[in-house]
Amino acid sequence: MSENSSNNAYWAANKRIIMVSLVIWAVVSFGFGILLRPLLSGIAIGGTDLGFWFAQQGSILVFLGIIFFYAWRMNRLDREHGVEEE
């Protein structure tokens, strides 16, 4: 595989990981915390409704999970394309 096509494959995979992460973040923070809150109000978690929990706690926890996932996945992608850090 040529260097140019390898670079293109690397950046395509990188952009795909970023887009998936952003979509998950948007659905959890904006979707569950704001748009779907009335639908989630009947489900109790931690003494409050699930929509409020996502707005206050859940979106933060999911965001932290996305950060760790992104770091892990990018390290693996770097190794696959031979650009890992030492």
N, C-alpha and C. Protein backbone atom coordinates (compact mmCIF):
# COMPACT_ATOMS: atom_id res chain seq x y z
N MET A 1 0.86 -1.18 0.00
CA MET A 1 0.00 0.00 0.00
C MET A 1 0.90 1.24 0.00
N SER A 2 0.60 2.21 -0.83
CA SER A 2 1.42 3.41 -0.90
C SER A 2 1.20 4.27 0.33
N GLU A 3 2.16 5.16 0.55
CA GLU A 3 2.09 6.02 1.74
C GLU A 3 0.87 6.93 1.69
N ASN A 4 0.53 7.44 0.53
CA ASN A 4 -0.62 8.34 0.40
C ASN A 4 -1.92 7.62 0.71
N SER A 5 -2.10 6.41 0.19
CA SER A 5 -3.33 5.68 0.47
C SER A 5 -3.39 5.24 1.93
N SER A 6 -2.24 4.96 2.52
CA SER A 6 -2.19 4.62 3.95
C SER A 6 -2.59 5.82 4.79
N ASN A 7 -2.09 7.00 4.42
CA ASN A 7 -2.47 8.23 5.13
C ASN A 7 -3.97 8.50 4.99
N ASN A 8 -4.49 8.30 3.79
CA ASN A 8 -5.93 8.51 3.57
C ASN A 8 -6.76 7.54 4.40
N ALA A 9 -6.33 6.28 4.47
CA ALA A 9 -7.05 5.29 5.27
C ALA A 9 -6.99 5.65 6.75
N TYR A 10 -5.84 6.10 7.21
CA TYR A 10 -5.68 6.50 8.61
C TYR A 10 -6.62 7.65 8.96
N TRP A 11 -6.63 8.68 8.13
CA TRP A 11 -7.46 9.84 8.43
C TRP A 11 -8.94 9.55 8.24
N ALA A 12 -9.28 8.67 7.32
CA ALA A 12 -10.68 8.28 7.17
C ALA A 12 -11.16 7.55 8.42
N ALA A 13 -10.33 6.65 8.94
CA ALA A 13 -10.70 5.93 10.17
C ALA A 13 -10.76 6.90 11.35
N ASN A 14 -9.84 7.84 11.41
CA ASN A 14 -9.83 8.84 12.49
C ASN A 14 -11.10 9.67 12.45
N LYS A 15 -11.48 10.15 11.28
CA LYS A 15 -12.71 10.95 11.16
C LYS A 15 -13.95 10.14 11.49
N ARG A 16 -13.96 8.87 11.13
CA ARG A 16 -15.09 8.00 11.44
C ARG A 16 -15.24 7.83 12.96
N ILE A 17 -14.14 7.62 13.66
CA ILE A 17 -14.16 7.50 15.12
C ILE A 17 -14.67 8.79 15.75
N ILE A 18 -14.20 9.92 15.25
CA ILE A 18 -14.64 11.22 15.78
C ILE A 18 -16.13 11.42 15.55
N MET A 19 -16.61 11.12 14.35
CA MET A 19 -18.04 11.32 14.05
C MET A 19 -18.93 10.42 14.90
N VAL A 20 -18.56 9.17 15.07
CA VAL A 20 -19.35 8.27 15.91
C VAL A 20 -19.37 8.77 17.35
N SER A 21 -18.22 9.21 17.84
CA SER A 21 -18.14 9.73 19.21
C SER A 21 -19.01 10.98 19.38
N LEU A 22 -18.98 11.87 18.40
CA LEU A 22 -19.79 13.09 18.49
C LEU A 22 -21.28 12.79 18.42
N VAL A 23 -21.67 11.82 17.61
CA VAL A 23 -23.09 11.45 17.52
C VAL A 23 -23.55 10.86 18.85
N ILE A 24 -22.76 9.98 19.43
CA ILE A 24 -23.12 9.40 20.74
C ILE A 24 -23.23 10.50 21.78
N TRP A 25 -22.26 11.42 21.81
CA TRP A 25 -22.28 12.52 22.77
C TRP A 25 -23.53 13.39 22.59
N ALA A 26 -23.88 13.71 21.35
CA ALA A 26 -25.05 14.55 21.08
C ALA A 26 -26.34 13.86 21.47
N VAL A 27 -26.47 12.59 21.15
CA VAL A 27 -27.69 11.85 21.49
C VAL A 27 -27.86 11.78 23.00
N VAL A 28 -26.79 11.48 23.71
CA VAL A 28 -26.89 11.34 25.16
C VAL A 28 -27.13 12.68 25.83
N SER A 29 -26.34 13.69 25.50
CA SER A 29 -26.46 14.97 26.21
C SER A 29 -27.68 15.77 25.77
N PHE A 30 -27.85 15.95 24.47
CA PHE A 30 -28.95 16.77 23.98
C PHE A 30 -30.24 15.96 23.86
N GLY A 31 -30.12 14.76 23.31
CA GLY A 31 -31.30 13.92 23.09
C GLY A 31 -31.94 13.45 24.38
N PHE A 32 -31.18 12.70 25.19
CA PHE A 32 -31.74 12.15 26.43
C PHE A 32 -31.96 13.22 27.48
N GLY A 33 -31.06 14.20 27.57
CA GLY A 33 -31.17 15.21 28.62
C GLY A 33 -32.19 16.29 28.35
N ILE A 34 -32.50 16.57 27.08
CA ILE A 34 -33.41 17.68 26.76
C ILE A 34 -34.62 17.20 25.95
N LEU A 35 -34.38 16.67 24.77
CA LEU A 35 -35.48 16.32 23.86
C LEU A 35 -36.34 15.17 24.36
N LEU A 36 -35.71 14.13 24.89
CA LEU A 36 -36.45 12.95 25.31
C LEU A 36 -36.76 12.94 26.81
N ARG A 37 -36.48 14.03 27.49
CA ARG A 37 -36.70 14.06 28.94
C ARG A 37 -38.14 13.76 29.33
N PRO A 38 -39.15 14.32 28.65
CA PRO A 38 -40.53 13.97 29.03
C PRO A 38 -40.83 12.47 28.91
N LEU A 39 -40.25 11.81 27.91
CA LEU A 39 -40.46 10.37 27.76
C LEU A 39 -39.77 9.56 28.85
N LEU A 40 -38.66 10.10 29.37
CA LEU A 40 -37.88 9.38 30.37
C LEU A 40 -38.27 9.74 31.80
N SER A 41 -39.25 10.63 31.96
CA SER A 41 -39.59 11.11 33.30
C SER A 41 -40.23 10.04 34.18
N GLY A 42 -40.81 9.01 33.60
CA GLY A 42 -41.45 7.96 34.39
C GLY A 42 -40.48 6.93 34.93
N ILE A 43 -39.24 6.95 34.48
CA ILE A 43 -38.24 5.96 34.90
C ILE A 43 -37.38 6.58 35.99
N ALA A 44 -37.39 5.99 37.18
CA ALA A 44 -36.64 6.54 38.31
C ALA A 44 -35.27 5.89 38.40
N ILE A 45 -34.26 6.73 38.67
CA ILE A 45 -32.90 6.26 38.92
C ILE A 45 -32.25 7.21 39.91
N GLY A 46 -31.73 6.68 40.97
CA GLY A 46 -31.05 7.50 41.97
C GLY A 46 -31.95 8.54 42.63
N GLY A 47 -33.23 8.26 42.76
CA GLY A 47 -34.14 9.19 43.41
C GLY A 47 -34.69 10.28 42.51
N THR A 48 -34.39 10.24 41.24
CA THR A 48 -34.90 11.25 40.30
C THR A 48 -35.25 10.57 38.98
N ASP A 49 -35.84 11.31 38.07
CA ASP A 49 -36.19 10.69 36.79
C ASP A 49 -34.97 10.56 35.89
N LEU A 50 -35.06 9.63 34.96
CA LEU A 50 -33.92 9.29 34.09
C LEU A 50 -33.49 10.46 33.20
N GLY A 51 -34.43 11.26 32.72
CA GLY A 51 -34.08 12.41 31.89
C GLY A 51 -33.23 13.42 32.66
N PHE A 52 -33.62 13.71 33.90
CA PHE A 52 -32.83 14.62 34.73
C PHE A 52 -31.46 14.02 35.01
N TRP A 53 -31.42 12.71 35.29
CA TRP A 53 -30.15 12.05 35.58
C TRP A 53 -29.21 12.16 34.39
N PHE A 54 -29.72 11.94 33.17
CA PHE A 54 -28.87 12.08 31.98
C PHE A 54 -28.37 13.52 31.84
N ALA A 55 -29.22 14.49 32.10
CA ALA A 55 -28.82 15.88 31.97
C ALA A 55 -27.75 16.27 32.99
N GLN A 56 -27.83 15.71 34.20
CA GLN A 56 -26.92 16.11 35.27
C GLN A 56 -25.72 15.18 35.44
N GLN A 57 -25.90 13.89 35.31
CA GLN A 57 -24.83 12.93 35.60
C GLN A 57 -24.47 12.06 34.40
N GLY A 58 -25.48 11.52 33.77
CA GLY A 58 -25.25 10.55 32.71
C GLY A 58 -24.43 11.07 31.55
N SER A 59 -24.71 12.28 31.12
CA SER A 59 -23.97 12.82 29.99
C SER A 59 -22.49 13.02 30.33
N ILE A 60 -22.20 13.37 31.57
CA ILE A 60 -20.80 13.52 31.99
C ILE A 60 -20.10 12.17 32.00
N LEU A 61 -20.77 11.15 32.54
CA LEU A 61 -20.17 9.82 32.57
C LEU A 61 -19.97 9.26 31.17
N VAL A 62 -20.92 9.47 30.30
CA VAL A 62 -20.78 9.01 28.91
C VAL A 62 -19.64 9.77 28.23
N PHE A 63 -19.53 11.07 28.48
CA PHE A 63 -18.44 11.86 27.89
C PHE A 63 -17.08 11.33 28.35
N LEU A 64 -16.95 11.01 29.63
CA LEU A 64 -15.69 10.43 30.12
C LEU A 64 -15.42 9.09 29.45
N GLY A 65 -16.46 8.28 29.29
CA GLY A 65 -16.30 7.01 28.58
C GLY A 65 -15.85 7.20 27.15
N ILE A 66 -16.38 8.21 26.48
CA ILE A 66 -15.98 8.51 25.10
C ILE A 66 -14.51 8.91 25.05
N ILE A 67 -14.06 9.69 26.02
CA ILE A 67 -12.65 10.11 26.06
C ILE A 67 -11.73 8.89 26.16
N PHE A 68 -12.05 7.97 27.08
CA PHE A 68 -11.22 6.78 27.23
C PHE A 68 -11.30 5.88 26.00
N PHE A 69 -12.49 5.73 25.42
CA PHE A 69 -12.64 4.95 24.20
C PHE A 69 -11.81 5.55 23.07
N TYR A 70 -11.87 6.87 22.91
CA TYR A 70 -11.14 7.52 21.82
C TYR A 70 -9.63 7.32 21.98
N ALA A 71 -9.12 7.49 23.20
CA ALA A 71 -7.69 7.30 23.44
C ALA A 71 -7.27 5.86 23.13
N TRP A 72 -8.06 4.89 23.61
CA TRP A 72 -7.75 3.48 23.36
C TRP A 72 -7.80 3.17 21.87
N ARG A 73 -8.85 3.62 21.19
CA ARG A 73 -9.02 3.31 19.77
C ARG A 73 -7.97 3.99 18.91
N MET A 74 -7.60 5.22 19.25
CA MET A 74 -6.58 5.92 18.46
C MET A 74 -5.21 5.29 18.67
N ASN A 75 -4.90 4.82 19.88
CA ASN A 75 -3.64 4.11 20.09
C ASN A 75 -3.59 2.85 19.23
N ARG A 76 -4.70 2.13 19.15
CA ARG A 76 -4.75 0.93 18.32
C ARG A 76 -4.63 1.28 16.84
N LEU A 77 -5.31 2.33 16.43
CA LEU A 77 -5.22 2.77 15.03
C LEU A 77 -3.79 3.23 14.69
N ASP A 78 -3.15 3.94 15.60
CA ASP A 78 -1.76 4.36 15.39
C ASP A 78 -0.84 3.15 15.19
N ARG A 79 -1.02 2.12 16.02
CA ARG A 79 -0.21 0.90 15.88
C ARG A 79 -0.47 0.22 14.54
N GLU A 80 -1.72 0.17 14.12
CA GLU A 80 -2.07 -0.48 12.85
C GLU A 80 -1.41 0.23 11.66
N HIS A 81 -1.22 1.54 11.76
CA HIS A 81 -0.66 2.31 10.64
C HIS A 81 0.80 2.69 10.87
N GLY A 82 1.40 2.19 11.95
CA GLY A 82 2.83 2.41 12.19
C GLY A 82 3.20 3.82 12.57
N VAL A 83 2.30 4.53 13.22
CA VAL A 83 2.60 5.91 13.64
C VAL A 83 2.48 6.09 15.16
N GLU A 84 2.62 4.97 15.90
CA GLU A 84 2.45 5.04 17.34
C GLU A 84 3.59 5.83 17.99
N GLU A 85 3.28 6.37 19.17
CA GLU A 85 4.29 7.09 19.94
C GLU A 85 5.09 6.09 20.75
N GLU A 86 6.31 6.47 21.07
CA GLU A 86 7.15 5.56 21.87
C GLU A 86 7.12 5.93 23.31
